[in-house]
Structures are given as C-alpha cells and as structure tokens.
C-alpha cells in the first residue's frame, strides 16, 4: 500500500509539473467526444477521451504488476 501511494504521489507531482504541456494535448477535443450546444444549454461528454485515458491507466497498472 505504501508503494502504491508513493507511486501515485509521484505521478501526480509529475502531472502537475508537466501541466502547461499536457494542456496543449487534444484530450477532450477528440473525434467521438459528444458536444451539444444550444441556446441556454450546453452538454459535453468526452467519451473517446475517457476510453483513451482508461486504456492508458490500464496499461500502466498492468506494467506495474509485472
């Protein structure tokens, strides 16, 4: 448990430091993300982004368990 918390803390630290560069990635604006904008209403669901992030997290966890 301590190892997992240490790794997660380091990952969050790296993400925080790299945020200016990470914000330039097209995550959240990928083809397949649902966006509906009407008068007085907007709906946004980044389904493709969620799937991509889920695959990436699954890959990282799989690599850590090996």
C-alpha atoms as a PDB file:
ATOM      1  CA  UNK A   1       0.000   0.000   0.000  1.00  0.00           C
ATOM      2  CA  UNK A   2       2.837   2.388   0.822  1.00  0.00           C
ATOM      3  CA  UNK A   3       4.475   1.695  -2.529  1.00  0.00           C
ATOM      4  CA  UNK A   4       1.229   2.386  -4.392  1.00  0.00           C
ATOM      5  CA  UNK A   5       0.680   5.686  -2.564  1.00  0.00           C
ATOM      6  CA  UNK A   6       4.269   6.720  -3.233  1.00  0.00           C
ATOM      7  CA  UNK A   7       3.934   5.947  -6.950  1.00  0.00           C
ATOM      8  CA  UNK A   8       0.599   7.779  -7.178  1.00  0.00           C
ATOM      9  CA  UNK A   9       2.063  10.791  -5.396  1.00  0.00           C
ATOM     10  CA  UNK A  10       4.998  10.881  -7.794  1.00  0.00           C
ATOM     11  CA  UNK A  11       2.681  10.582 -10.798  1.00  0.00           C
ATOM     12  CA  UNK A  12       0.543  13.473  -9.551  1.00  0.00           C
ATOM     13  CA  UNK A  13       3.660  15.550  -8.967  1.00  0.00           C
ATOM     14  CA  UNK A  14       4.933  14.872 -12.487  1.00  0.00           C
ATOM     15  CA  UNK A  15       1.495  15.671 -13.948  1.00  0.00           C
ATOM     16  CA  UNK A  16       1.364  18.945 -12.001  1.00  0.00           C
ATOM     17  CA  UNK A  17       4.807  19.978 -13.211  1.00  0.00           C
ATOM     18  CA  UNK A  18       4.004  18.992 -16.819  1.00  0.00           C
ATOM     19  CA  UNK A  19       0.542  20.620 -16.819  1.00  0.00           C
ATOM     20  CA  UNK A  20       1.474  23.505 -19.173  1.00  0.00           C
ATOM     21  CA  UNK A  21       2.499  20.949 -21.806  1.00  0.00           C
ATOM     22  CA  UNK A  22      -0.287  18.456 -21.042  1.00  0.00           C
ATOM     23  CA  UNK A  23      -2.958  21.121 -21.525  1.00  0.00           C
ATOM     24  CA  UNK A  24      -1.855  21.516 -25.146  1.00  0.00           C
ATOM     25  CA  UNK A  25      -2.775  17.892 -25.940  1.00  0.00           C
ATOM     26  CA  UNK A  26      -6.073  17.470 -27.788  1.00  0.00           C
ATOM     27  CA  UNK A  27      -7.608  15.430 -24.949  1.00  0.00           C
ATOM     28  CA  UNK A  28     -11.220  16.484 -24.581  1.00  0.00           C
ATOM     29  CA  UNK A  29     -11.428  17.561 -28.220  1.00  0.00           C
ATOM     30  CA  UNK A  30     -11.072  14.180 -29.919  1.00  0.00           C
ATOM     31  CA  UNK A  31     -13.369  12.879 -32.650  1.00  0.00           C
ATOM     32  CA  UNK A  32     -16.154  10.940 -30.953  1.00  0.00           C
ATOM     33  CA  UNK A  33     -16.488  13.299 -27.998  1.00  0.00           C
ATOM     34  CA  UNK A  34     -20.123  14.351 -27.714  1.00  0.00           C
ATOM     35  CA  UNK A  35     -20.784  18.091 -27.653  1.00  0.00           C
ATOM     36  CA  UNK A  36     -24.236  19.656 -27.925  1.00  0.00           C
ATOM     37  CA  UNK A  37     -24.589  23.446 -27.768  1.00  0.00           C
ATOM     38  CA  UNK A  38     -27.966  25.157 -27.962  1.00  0.00           C
ATOM     39  CA  UNK A  39     -29.423  28.422 -26.710  1.00  0.00           C
ATOM     40  CA  UNK A  40     -29.010  28.462 -22.945  1.00  0.00           C
ATOM     41  CA  UNK A  41     -27.842  24.839 -22.847  1.00  0.00           C
ATOM     42  CA  UNK A  42     -24.600  23.010 -23.438  1.00  0.00           C
ATOM     43  CA  UNK A  43     -23.769  19.360 -22.915  1.00  0.00           C
ATOM     44  CA  UNK A  44     -20.334  17.819 -23.233  1.00  0.00           C
ATOM     45  CA  UNK A  45     -19.357  14.177 -22.726  1.00  0.00           C
ATOM     46  CA  UNK A  46     -15.792  13.249 -23.719  1.00  0.00           C
ATOM     47  CA  UNK A  47     -16.443   9.541 -24.378  1.00  0.00           C
ATOM     48  CA  UNK A  48     -13.425   8.996 -26.653  1.00  0.00           C
ATOM     49  CA  UNK A  49     -11.148  10.781 -24.211  1.00  0.00           C
ATOM     50  CA  UNK A  50     -12.482   8.646 -21.334  1.00  0.00           C
ATOM     51  CA  UNK A  51     -11.818   5.440 -23.280  1.00  0.00           C
ATOM     52  CA  UNK A  52      -8.300   6.556 -24.195  1.00  0.00           C
ATOM     53  CA  UNK A  53      -7.434   7.507 -20.607  1.00  0.00           C
ATOM     54  CA  UNK A  54      -8.911   4.228 -19.336  1.00  0.00           C
ATOM     55  CA  UNK A  55      -6.724   2.242 -21.739  1.00  0.00           C
ATOM     56  CA  UNK A  56      -3.653   4.213 -20.709  1.00  0.00           C
ATOM     57  CA  UNK A  57      -4.305   3.722 -16.976  1.00  0.00           C
ATOM     58  CA  UNK A  58      -4.965   0.001 -17.531  1.00  0.00           C
ATOM     59  CA  UNK A  59      -1.680  -0.334 -19.404  1.00  0.00           C
ATOM     60  CA  UNK A  60       0.271   1.458 -16.673  1.00  0.00           C
ATOM     61  CA  UNK A  61      -1.306  -0.699 -13.946  1.00  0.00           C
ATOM     62  CA  UNK A  62      -0.618  -3.845 -15.953  1.00  0.00           C
ATOM     63  CA  UNK A  63       3.030  -2.846 -16.338  1.00  0.00           C
ATOM     64  CA  UNK A  64       3.360  -2.093 -12.608  1.00  0.00           C
ATOM     65  CA  UNK A  65       2.012  -5.532 -11.672  1.00  0.00           C
ATOM     66  CA  UNK A  66       4.514  -7.393 -13.863  1.00  0.00           C
END
